[in-house]
PDB file of all heavy atoms in Angstrom:
ATOM      1  N   LYS A   1       0.803  -1.224   0.000  1.00  0.00           N
ATOM      2  CA  LYS A   1       0.000   0.000   0.000  1.00  0.00           C
ATOM      3  C   LYS A   1       0.835   1.273   0.000  1.00  0.00           C
ATOM      4  O   LYS A   1       0.333   2.344  -0.296  1.00  0.00           O
ATOM      5  CB  LYS A   1      -0.942  -0.001   1.216  1.00  0.00           C
ATOM      6  CG  LYS A   1      -1.926  -1.154   1.229  1.00  0.00           C
ATOM      7  CD  LYS A   1      -2.801  -1.110   2.465  1.00  0.00           C
ATOM      8  CE  LYS A   1      -3.782  -2.282   2.486  1.00  0.00           C
ATOM      9  NZ  LYS A   1      -4.635  -2.275   3.707  1.00  0.00           N
ATOM     10  N   SER A   2       2.077   1.137   0.381  1.00  0.00           N
ATOM     11  CA  SER A   2       2.879   2.349   0.509  1.00  0.00           C
ATOM     12  C   SER A   2       4.281   2.116  -0.015  1.00  0.00           C
ATOM     13  O   SER A   2       4.683   0.997  -0.309  1.00  0.00           O
ATOM     14  CB  SER A   2       2.938   2.792   1.965  1.00  0.00           C
ATOM     15  OG  SER A   2       3.619   1.823   2.742  1.00  0.00           O
ATOM     16  N   LYS A   3       5.023   3.178  -0.123  1.00  0.00           N
ATOM     17  CA  LYS A   3       6.416   3.124  -0.557  1.00  0.00           C
ATOM     18  C   LYS A   3       7.352   3.377   0.628  1.00  0.00           C
ATOM     19  O   LYS A   3       8.313   4.126   0.526  1.00  0.00           O
ATOM     20  CB  LYS A   3       6.662   4.165  -1.660  1.00  0.00           C
ATOM     21  CG  LYS A   3       5.966   3.850  -2.972  1.00  0.00           C
ATOM     22  CD  LYS A   3       6.627   2.658  -3.669  1.00  0.00           C
ATOM     23  CE  LYS A   3       6.009   2.415  -5.040  1.00  0.00           C
ATOM     24  NZ  LYS A   3       6.634   1.265  -5.722  1.00  0.00           N
ATOM     25  N   LYS A   4       7.023   2.750   1.753  1.00  0.00           N
ATOM     26  CA  LYS A   4       7.867   2.924   2.916  1.00  0.00           C
ATOM     27  C   LYS A   4       9.257   2.361   2.653  1.00  0.00           C
ATOM     28  O   LYS A   4       9.431   1.460   1.846  1.00  0.00           O
ATOM     29  CB  LYS A   4       7.242   2.227   4.134  1.00  0.00           C
ATOM     30  CG  LYS A   4       5.970   2.890   4.632  1.00  0.00           C
ATOM     31  CD  LYS A   4       5.446   2.185   5.876  1.00  0.00           C
ATOM     32  CE  LYS A   4       4.185   2.864   6.393  1.00  0.00           C
ATOM     33  NZ  LYS A   4       3.643   2.178   7.597  1.00  0.00           N
ATOM     34  N   LYS A   5      10.235   2.897   3.345  1.00  0.00           N
ATOM     35  CA  LYS A   5      11.623   2.501   3.144  1.00  0.00           C
ATOM     36  C   LYS A   5      11.836   1.032   3.494  1.00  0.00           C
ATOM     37  O   LYS A   5      11.342   0.538   4.501  1.00  0.00           O
ATOM     38  CB  LYS A   5      12.537   3.381   4.000  1.00  0.00           C
ATOM     39  CG  LYS A   5      14.015   3.104   3.787  1.00  0.00           C
ATOM     40  CD  LYS A   5      14.874   4.012   4.652  1.00  0.00           C
ATOM     41  CE  LYS A   5      16.353   3.692   4.453  1.00  0.00           C
ATOM     42  NZ  LYS A   5      17.221   4.543   5.308  1.00  0.00           N
ATOM     43  N   PHE A   6      12.574   0.360   2.636  1.00  0.00           N
ATOM     44  CA  PHE A   6      12.936  -1.040   2.864  1.00  0.00           C
ATOM     45  C   PHE A   6      13.855  -1.130   4.082  1.00  0.00           C
ATOM     46  O   PHE A   6      14.859  -0.429   4.183  1.00  0.00           O
ATOM     47  CB  PHE A   6      13.634  -1.581   1.622  1.00  0.00           C
ATOM     48  CG  PHE A   6      14.150  -2.988   1.744  1.00  0.00           C
ATOM     49  CD1 PHE A   6      13.290  -4.045   2.024  1.00  0.00           C
ATOM     50  CD2 PHE A   6      15.502  -3.266   1.566  1.00  0.00           C
ATOM     51  CE1 PHE A   6      13.764  -5.343   2.124  1.00  0.00           C
ATOM     52  CE2 PHE A   6      15.987  -4.554   1.658  1.00  0.00           C
ATOM     53  CZ  PHE A   6      15.113  -5.598   1.937  1.00  0.00           C
ATOM     54  N   VAL A   7      13.478  -1.992   5.026  1.00  0.00           N
ATOM     55  CA  VAL A   7      14.237  -2.149   6.265  1.00  0.00           C
ATOM     56  C   VAL A   7      14.581  -3.620   6.468  1.00  0.00           C
ATOM     57  O   VAL A   7      13.725  -4.495   6.303  1.00  0.00           O
ATOM     58  CB  VAL A   7      13.435  -1.633   7.485  1.00  0.00           C
ATOM     59  CG1 VAL A   7      14.235  -1.836   8.774  1.00  0.00           C
ATOM     60  CG2 VAL A   7      13.071  -0.167   7.318  1.00  0.00           C
ATOM     61  N   VAL A   8      15.833  -3.891   6.819  1.00  0.00           N
ATOM     62  CA  VAL A   8      16.256  -5.257   7.100  1.00  0.00           C
ATOM     63  C   VAL A   8      16.541  -5.402   8.583  1.00  0.00           C
ATOM     64  O   VAL A   8      17.388  -4.689   9.131  1.00  0.00           O
ATOM     65  CB  VAL A   8      17.515  -5.634   6.283  1.00  0.00           C
ATOM     66  CG1 VAL A   8      17.955  -7.053   6.620  1.00  0.00           C
ATOM     67  CG2 VAL A   8      17.235  -5.513   4.795  1.00  0.00           C
ATOM     68  N   HIS A   9      15.807  -6.286   9.231  1.00  0.00           N
ATOM     69  CA  HIS A   9      15.976  -6.535  10.670  1.00  0.00           C
ATOM     70  C   HIS A   9      16.964  -7.687  10.859  1.00  0.00           C
ATOM     71  O   HIS A   9      16.757  -8.776  10.339  1.00  0.00           O
ATOM     72  CB  HIS A   9      14.629  -6.882  11.312  1.00  0.00           C
ATOM     73  CG  HIS A   9      13.616  -5.785  11.211  1.00  0.00           C
ATOM     74  ND1 HIS A   9      13.506  -4.773  12.147  1.00  0.00           N
ATOM     75  CD2 HIS A   9      12.675  -5.532  10.268  1.00  0.00           C
ATOM     76  CE1 HIS A   9      12.536  -3.950  11.798  1.00  0.00           C
ATOM     77  NE2 HIS A   9      12.015  -4.382  10.659  1.00  0.00           N
ATOM     78  N   LYS A  10      18.004  -7.435  11.620  1.00  0.00           N
ATOM     79  CA  LYS A  10      19.066  -8.436  11.772  1.00  0.00           C
ATOM     80  C   LYS A  10      19.203  -8.962  13.193  1.00  0.00           C
ATOM     81  O   LYS A  10      20.097  -9.765  13.466  1.00  0.00           O
ATOM     82  CB  LYS A  10      20.399  -7.840  11.304  1.00  0.00           C
ATOM     83  CG  LYS A  10      20.384  -7.401   9.858  1.00  0.00           C
ATOM     84  CD  LYS A  10      21.703  -6.770   9.449  1.00  0.00           C
ATOM     85  CE  LYS A  10      21.634  -6.237   8.030  1.00  0.00           C
ATOM     86  NZ  LYS A  10      22.893  -5.563   7.624  1.00  0.00           N
ATOM     87  N   LYS A  11      18.310  -8.534  14.071  1.00  0.00           N
ATOM     88  CA  LYS A  11      18.376  -9.012  15.447  1.00  0.00           C
ATOM     89  C   LYS A  11      17.263 -10.023  15.695  1.00  0.00           C
ATOM     90  O   LYS A  11      16.079  -9.681  15.695  1.00  0.00           O
ATOM     91  CB  LYS A  11      18.260  -7.839  16.428  1.00  0.00           C
ATOM     92  CG  LYS A  11      19.461  -6.907  16.408  1.00  0.00           C
ATOM     93  CD  LYS A  11      19.344  -5.824  17.472  1.00  0.00           C
ATOM     94  CE  LYS A  11      20.568  -4.917  17.473  1.00  0.00           C
ATOM     95  NZ  LYS A  11      20.459  -3.841  18.497  1.00  0.00           N
ATOM     96  N   LEU A  12      17.652 -11.264  15.854  1.00  0.00           N
ATOM     97  CA  LEU A  12      16.721 -12.336  16.171  1.00  0.00           C
ATOM     98  C   LEU A  12      17.154 -12.957  17.491  1.00  0.00           C
ATOM     99  O   LEU A  12      18.348 -13.065  17.765  1.00  0.00           O
ATOM    100  CB  LEU A  12      16.720 -13.408  15.075  1.00  0.00           C
ATOM    101  CG  LEU A  12      16.317 -12.962  13.662  1.00  0.00           C
ATOM    102  CD1 LEU A  12      16.487 -14.108  12.681  1.00  0.00           C
ATOM    103  CD2 LEU A  12      14.893 -12.448  13.641  1.00  0.00           C
ATOM    104  N   ASP A  13      16.192 -13.357  18.296  1.00  0.00           N
ATOM    105  CA  ASP A  13      16.489 -13.954  19.602  1.00  0.00           C
ATOM    106  C   ASP A  13      16.161 -15.444  19.555  1.00  0.00           C
ATOM    107  O   ASP A  13      15.020 -15.831  19.330  1.00  0.00           O
ATOM    108  CB  ASP A  13      15.660 -13.253  20.685  1.00  0.00           C
ATOM    109  CG  ASP A  13      16.129 -13.582  22.094  1.00  0.00           C
ATOM    110  OD1 ASP A  13      16.584 -14.720  22.325  1.00  0.00           O
ATOM    111  OD2 ASP A  13      16.033 -12.701  22.976  1.00  0.00           O
ATOM    112  N   GLY A  14      17.174 -16.260  19.773  1.00  0.00           N
ATOM    113  CA  GLY A  14      17.000 -17.708  19.679  1.00  0.00           C
ATOM    114  C   GLY A  14      16.580 -18.392  20.959  1.00  0.00           C
ATOM    115  O   GLY A  14      16.545 -19.638  21.014  1.00  0.00           O
ATOM    116  N   ASN A  15      16.200 -17.636  21.978  1.00  0.00           N
ATOM    117  CA  ASN A  15      15.781 -18.235  23.249  1.00  0.00           C
ATOM    118  C   ASN A  15      14.318 -18.665  23.178  1.00  0.00           C
ATOM    119  O   ASN A  15      13.456 -18.167  23.913  1.00  0.00           O
ATOM    120  CB  ASN A  15      15.998 -17.249  24.395  1.00  0.00           C
ATOM    121  CG  ASN A  15      17.467 -17.046  24.695  1.00  0.00           C
ATOM    122  OD1 ASN A  15      18.171 -17.990  25.048  1.00  0.00           O
ATOM    123  ND2 ASN A  15      17.940 -15.818  24.539  1.00  0.00           N
ATOM    124  N   VAL A  16      14.050 -19.581  22.273  1.00  0.00           N
ATOM    125  CA  VAL A  16      12.696 -20.070  22.022  1.00  0.00           C
ATOM    126  C   VAL A  16      12.735 -21.592  21.934  1.00  0.00           C
ATOM    127  O   VAL A  16      13.802 -22.196  21.799  1.00  0.00           O
ATOM    128  CB  VAL A  16      12.132 -19.481  20.715  1.00  0.00           C
ATOM    129  CG1 VAL A  16      12.000 -17.970  20.814  1.00  0.00           C
ATOM    130  CG2 VAL A  16      13.037 -19.852  19.532  1.00  0.00           C
ATOM    131  N   ALA A  17      11.565 -22.213  21.997  1.00  0.00           N
ATOM    132  CA  ALA A  17      11.498 -23.673  21.914  1.00  0.00           C
ATOM    133  C   ALA A  17      10.136 -24.094  21.367  1.00  0.00           C
ATOM    134  O   ALA A  17       9.190 -23.300  21.331  1.00  0.00           O
ATOM    135  CB  ALA A  17      11.740 -24.314  23.281  1.00  0.00           C
ATOM    136  N   ILE A  18      10.068 -25.344  20.928  1.00  0.00           N
ATOM    137  CA  ILE A  18       8.825 -25.939  20.449  1.00  0.00           C
ATOM    138  C   ILE A  18       8.549 -27.186  21.281  1.00  0.00           C
ATOM    139  O   ILE A  18       9.439 -28.018  21.465  1.00  0.00           O
ATOM    140  CB  ILE A  18       8.918 -26.333  18.964  1.00  0.00           C
ATOM    141  CG1 ILE A  18       9.204 -25.115  18.099  1.00  0.00           C
ATOM    142  CG2 ILE A  18       7.626 -27.025  18.494  1.00  0.00           C
ATOM    143  CD1 ILE A  18       9.540 -25.460  16.644  1.00  0.00           C
ATOM    144  N   LEU A  19       7.332 -27.320  21.786  1.00  0.00           N
ATOM    145  CA  LEU A  19       6.936 -28.517  22.535  1.00  0.00           C
ATOM    146  C   LEU A  19       5.673 -29.085  21.924  1.00  0.00           C
ATOM    147  O   LEU A  19       4.641 -28.415  21.861  1.00  0.00           O
ATOM    148  CB  LEU A  19       6.694 -28.183  24.013  1.00  0.00           C
ATOM    149  CG  LEU A  19       6.175 -29.349  24.871  1.00  0.00           C
ATOM    150  CD1 LEU A  19       7.163 -30.506  24.883  1.00  0.00           C
ATOM    151  CD2 LEU A  19       5.864 -28.883  26.294  1.00  0.00           C
ATOM    152  N   LYS A  20       5.768 -30.321  21.470  1.00  0.00           N
ATOM    153  CA  LYS A  20       4.614 -31.000  20.889  1.00  0.00           C
ATOM    154  C   LYS A  20       3.980 -31.878  21.948  1.00  0.00           C
ATOM    155  O   LYS A  20       4.614 -32.790  22.483  1.00  0.00           O
ATOM    156  CB  LYS A  20       5.056 -31.841  19.696  1.00  0.00           C
ATOM    157  CG  LYS A  20       3.911 -32.506  18.943  1.00  0.00           C
ATOM    158  CD  LYS A  20       4.418 -33.143  17.663  1.00  0.00           C
ATOM    159  CE  LYS A  20       3.272 -33.686  16.810  1.00  0.00           C
ATOM    160  NZ  LYS A  20       3.746 -34.147  15.490  1.00  0.00           N
ATOM    161  N   LEU A  21       2.731 -31.595  22.273  1.00  0.00           N
ATOM    162  CA  LEU A  21       2.021 -32.411  23.250  1.00  0.00           C
ATOM    163  C   LEU A  21       1.766 -33.807  22.689  1.00  0.00           C
ATOM    164  O   LEU A  21       1.627 -33.983  21.472  1.00  0.00           O
ATOM    165  CB  LEU A  21       0.679 -31.762  23.611  1.00  0.00           C
ATOM    166  CG  LEU A  21       0.727 -30.427  24.357  1.00  0.00           C
ATOM    167  CD1 LEU A  21      -0.693 -29.935  24.631  1.00  0.00           C
ATOM    168  CD2 LEU A  21       1.512 -30.546  25.661  1.00  0.00           C
ATOM    169  N   PHE A  22       1.710 -34.779  23.578  1.00  0.00           N
ATOM    170  CA  PHE A  22       1.379 -36.146  23.169  1.00  0.00           C
ATOM    171  C   PHE A  22       0.708 -36.853  24.347  1.00  0.00           C
ATOM    172  O   PHE A  22       0.965 -36.514  25.511  1.00  0.00           O
ATOM    173  CB  PHE A  22       2.643 -36.910  22.733  1.00  0.00           C
ATOM    174  CG  PHE A  22       3.711 -36.981  23.793  1.00  0.00           C
ATOM    175  CD1 PHE A  22       3.753 -38.021  24.706  1.00  0.00           C
ATOM    176  CD2 PHE A  22       4.674 -35.977  23.886  1.00  0.00           C
ATOM    177  CE1 PHE A  22       4.737 -38.086  25.678  1.00  0.00           C
ATOM    178  CE2 PHE A  22       5.661 -36.025  24.862  1.00  0.00           C
ATOM    179  CZ  PHE A  22       5.690 -37.089  25.761  1.00  0.00           C
ATOM    180  N   PRO A  23      -0.167 -37.788  24.064  1.00  0.00           N
ATOM    181  CA  PRO A  23      -0.816 -38.528  25.142  1.00  0.00           C
ATOM    182  C   PRO A  23       0.227 -39.234  26.001  1.00  0.00           C
ATOM    183  O   PRO A  23       1.083 -39.959  25.487  1.00  0.00           O
ATOM    184  CB  PRO A  23      -1.695 -39.541  24.399  1.00  0.00           C
ATOM    185  CG  PRO A  23      -1.954 -38.913  23.074  1.00  0.00           C
ATOM    186  CD  PRO A  23      -0.680 -38.192  22.731  1.00  0.00           C
ATOM    187  N   GLY A  24       0.183 -38.992  27.301  1.00  0.00           N
ATOM    188  CA  GLY A  24       1.149 -39.598  28.201  1.00  0.00           C
ATOM    189  C   GLY A  24       2.300 -38.685  28.571  1.00  0.00           C
ATOM    190  O   GLY A  24       3.214 -39.098  29.300  1.00  0.00           O
ATOM    191  N   ILE A  25       2.290 -37.457  28.075  1.00  0.00           N
ATOM    192  CA  ILE A  25       3.338 -36.527  28.454  1.00  0.00           C
ATOM    193  C   ILE A  25       3.350 -36.369  29.973  1.00  0.00           C
ATOM    194  O   ILE A  25       2.298 -36.301  30.615  1.00  0.00           O
ATOM    195  CB  ILE A  25       3.154 -35.154  27.761  1.00  0.00           C
ATOM    196  CG1 ILE A  25       4.380 -34.266  28.003  1.00  0.00           C
ATOM    197  CG2 ILE A  25       1.871 -34.462  28.205  1.00  0.00           C
ATOM    198  CD1 ILE A  25       4.379 -32.989  27.168  1.00  0.00           C
ATOM    199  N   THR A  26       4.521 -36.352  30.566  1.00  0.00           N
ATOM    200  CA  THR A  26       4.620 -36.320  32.025  1.00  0.00           C
ATOM    201  C   THR A  26       4.862 -34.908  32.541  1.00  0.00           C
ATOM    202  O   THR A  26       5.279 -34.012  31.796  1.00  0.00           O
ATOM    203  CB  THR A  26       5.776 -37.209  32.503  1.00  0.00           C
ATOM    204  OG1 THR A  26       7.016 -36.660  32.027  1.00  0.00           O
ATOM    205  CG2 THR A  26       5.603 -38.643  32.002  1.00  0.00           C
ATOM    206  N   LYS A  27       4.616 -34.771  33.817  1.00  0.00           N
ATOM    207  CA  LYS A  27       4.830 -33.489  34.475  1.00  0.00           C
ATOM    208  C   LYS A  27       6.293 -33.076  34.374  1.00  0.00           C
ATOM    209  O   LYS A  27       6.612 -31.899  34.139  1.00  0.00           O
ATOM    210  CB  LYS A  27       4.406 -33.599  35.948  1.00  0.00           C
ATOM    211  CG  LYS A  27       4.539 -32.309  36.745  1.00  0.00           C
ATOM    212  CD  LYS A  27       4.036 -32.502  38.165  1.00  0.00           C
ATOM    213  CE  LYS A  27       4.150 -31.222  38.977  1.00  0.00           C
ATOM    214  NZ  LYS A  27       3.669 -31.411  40.377  1.00  0.00           N
ATOM    215  N   ASN A  28       7.196 -34.048  34.527  1.00  0.00           N
ATOM    216  CA  ASN A  28       8.625 -33.740  34.458  1.00  0.00           C
ATOM    217  C   ASN A  28       9.026 -33.200  33.092  1.00  0.00           C
ATOM    218  O   ASN A  28       9.834 -32.268  32.994  1.00  0.00           O
ATOM    219  CB  ASN A  28       9.456 -34.988  34.776  1.00  0.00           C
ATOM    220  CG  ASN A  28       9.450 -35.332  36.252  1.00  0.00           C
ATOM    221  OD1 ASN A  28       9.160 -34.467  37.088  1.00  0.00           O
ATOM    222  ND2 ASN A  28       9.755 -36.579  36.578  1.00  0.00           N
ATOM    223  N   VAL A  29       8.485 -33.804  32.042  1.00  0.00           N
ATOM    224  CA  VAL A  29       8.817 -33.348  30.692  1.00  0.00           C
ATOM    225  C   VAL A  29       8.327 -31.918  30.478  1.00  0.00           C
ATOM    226  O   VAL A  29       9.069 -31.042  30.011  1.00  0.00           O
ATOM    227  CB  VAL A  29       8.208 -34.283  29.630  1.00  0.00           C
ATOM    228  CG1 VAL A  29       8.319 -33.666  28.239  1.00  0.00           C
ATOM    229  CG2 VAL A  29       8.908 -35.630  29.655  1.00  0.00           C
ATOM    230  N   LEU A  30       7.065 -31.664  30.810  1.00  0.00           N
ATOM    231  CA  LEU A  30       6.488 -30.336  30.612  1.00  0.00           C
ATOM    232  C   LEU A  30       7.253 -29.278  31.405  1.00  0.00           C
ATOM    233  O   LEU A  30       7.650 -28.243  30.869  1.00  0.00           O
ATOM    234  CB  LEU A  30       5.014 -30.338  31.007  1.00  0.00           C
ATOM    235  CG  LEU A  30       4.286 -28.986  30.896  1.00  0.00           C
ATOM    236  CD1 LEU A  30       4.297 -28.498  29.452  1.00  0.00           C
ATOM    237  CD2 LEU A  30       2.860 -29.099  31.416  1.00  0.00           C
ATOM    238  N   GLU A  31       7.473 -29.566  32.681  1.00  0.00           N
ATOM    239  CA  GLU A  31       8.132 -28.576  33.530  1.00  0.00           C
ATOM    240  C   GLU A  31       9.598 -28.388  33.149  1.00  0.00           C
ATOM    241  O   GLU A  31      10.133 -27.281  33.269  1.00  0.00           O
ATOM    242  CB  GLU A  31       7.996 -28.974  34.999  1.00  0.00           C
ATOM    243  CG  GLU A  31       6.553 -28.867  35.508  1.00  0.00           C
ATOM    244  CD  GLU A  31       6.437 -29.107  36.998  1.00  0.00           C
ATOM    245  OE1 GLU A  31       7.412 -29.614  37.601  1.00  0.00           O
ATOM    246  OE2 GLU A  31       5.370 -28.782  37.565  1.00  0.00           O
ATOM    247  N   SER A  32      10.246 -29.443  32.681  1.00  0.00           N
ATOM    248  CA  SER A  32      11.643 -29.322  32.260  1.00  0.00           C
ATOM    249  C   SER A  32      11.784 -28.357  31.092  1.00  0.00           C
ATOM    250  O   SER A  32      12.717 -27.547  31.036  1.00  0.00           O
ATOM    251  CB  SER A  32      12.205 -30.687  31.866  1.00  0.00           C
ATOM    252  OG  SER A  32      12.287 -31.543  32.979  1.00  0.00           O
ATOM    253  N   VAL A  33      10.843 -28.425  30.160  1.00  0.00           N
ATOM    254  CA  VAL A  33      10.880 -27.521  29.014  1.00  0.00           C
ATOM    255  C   VAL A  33      10.544 -26.101  29.446  1.00  0.00           C
ATOM    256  O   VAL A  33      11.228 -25.133  29.072  1.00  0.00           O
ATOM    257  CB  VAL A  33       9.910 -27.988  27.916  1.00  0.00           C
ATOM    258  CG1 VAL A  33       9.818 -26.956  26.793  1.00  0.00           C
ATOM    259  CG2 VAL A  33      10.350 -29.336  27.357  1.00  0.00           C
ATOM    260  N   LEU A  34       9.494 -25.961  30.247  1.00  0.00           N
ATOM    261  CA  LEU A  34       9.062 -24.627  30.675  1.00  0.00           C
ATOM    262  C   LEU A  34      10.115 -23.922  31.518  1.00  0.00           C
ATOM    263  O   LEU A  34      10.151 -22.685  31.588  1.00  0.00           O
ATOM    264  CB  LEU A  34       7.747 -24.723  31.454  1.00  0.00           C
ATOM    265  CG  LEU A  34       6.521 -25.171  30.654  1.00  0.00           C
ATOM    266  CD1 LEU A  34       5.327 -25.372  31.578  1.00  0.00           C
ATOM    267  CD2 LEU A  34       6.184 -24.154  29.568  1.00  0.00           C
ATOM    268  N   GLN A  35      10.983 -24.689  32.167  1.00  0.00           N
ATOM    269  CA  GLN A  35      11.989 -24.103  33.066  1.00  0.00           C
ATOM    270  C   GLN A  35      13.392 -24.055  32.439  1.00  0.00           C
ATOM    271  O   GLN A  35      14.393 -23.876  33.137  1.00  0.00           O
ATOM    272  CB  GLN A  35      12.028 -24.894  34.365  1.00  0.00           C
ATOM    273  CG  GLN A  35      10.741 -24.757  35.180  1.00  0.00           C
ATOM    274  CD  GLN A  35      10.689 -25.685  36.383  1.00  0.00           C
ATOM    275  OE1 GLN A  35      11.684 -26.308  36.737  1.00  0.00           O
ATOM    276  NE2 GLN A  35       9.517 -25.782  36.998  1.00  0.00           N
ATOM    277  N   ILE A  36      13.467 -24.185  31.119  1.00  0.00           N
ATOM    278  CA  ILE A  36      14.765 -24.040  30.446  1.00  0.00           C
ATOM    279  C   ILE A  36      15.330 -22.662  30.764  1.00  0.00           C
ATOM    280  O   ILE A  36      14.644 -21.647  30.593  1.00  0.00           O
ATOM    281  CB  ILE A  36      14.606 -24.208  28.922  1.00  0.00           C
ATOM    282  CG1 ILE A  36      14.213 -25.650  28.577  1.00  0.00           C
ATOM    283  CG2 ILE A  36      15.898 -23.828  28.193  1.00  0.00           C
ATOM    284  CD1 ILE A  36      13.881 -25.859  27.116  1.00  0.00           C
ATOM    285  N   PRO A  37      16.579 -22.594  31.235  1.00  0.00           N
ATOM    286  CA  PRO A  37      17.169 -21.289  31.551  1.00  0.00           C
ATOM    287  C   PRO A  37      17.167 -20.352  30.340  1.00  0.00           C
ATOM    288  O   PRO A  37      17.452 -20.770  29.224  1.00  0.00           O
ATOM    289  CB  PRO A  37      18.607 -21.653  31.956  1.00  0.00           C
ATOM    290  CG  PRO A  37      18.528 -23.070  32.420  1.00  0.00           C
ATOM    291  CD  PRO A  37      17.483 -23.708  31.554  1.00  0.00           C
ATOM    292  N   GLU A  38      16.808 -19.102  30.566  1.00  0.00           N
ATOM    293  CA  GLU A  38      16.796 -18.054  29.536  1.00  0.00           C
ATOM    294  C   GLU A  38      15.688 -18.210  28.496  1.00  0.00           C
ATOM    295  O   GLU A  38      15.598 -17.398  27.561  1.00  0.00           O
ATOM    296  CB  GLU A  38      18.144 -17.979  28.803  1.00  0.00           C
ATOM    297  CG  GLU A  38      19.366 -17.827  29.691  1.00  0.00           C
ATOM    298  CD  GLU A  38      19.309 -16.574  30.554  1.00  0.00           C
ATOM    299  OE1 GLU A  38      18.818 -15.545  30.072  1.00  0.00           O
ATOM    300  OE2 GLU A  38      19.739 -16.639  31.731  1.00  0.00           O
TER     301      GLU A  38
END
């Protein structure tokens, strides 16, 4: 819609994770992921 200036963002933060739920997932597994440092 506009001719705004092209901007390249180079700061990405890798302190992320993916957790796939599954039947039988345990409390230890869930909490271990949620409590990953940083």
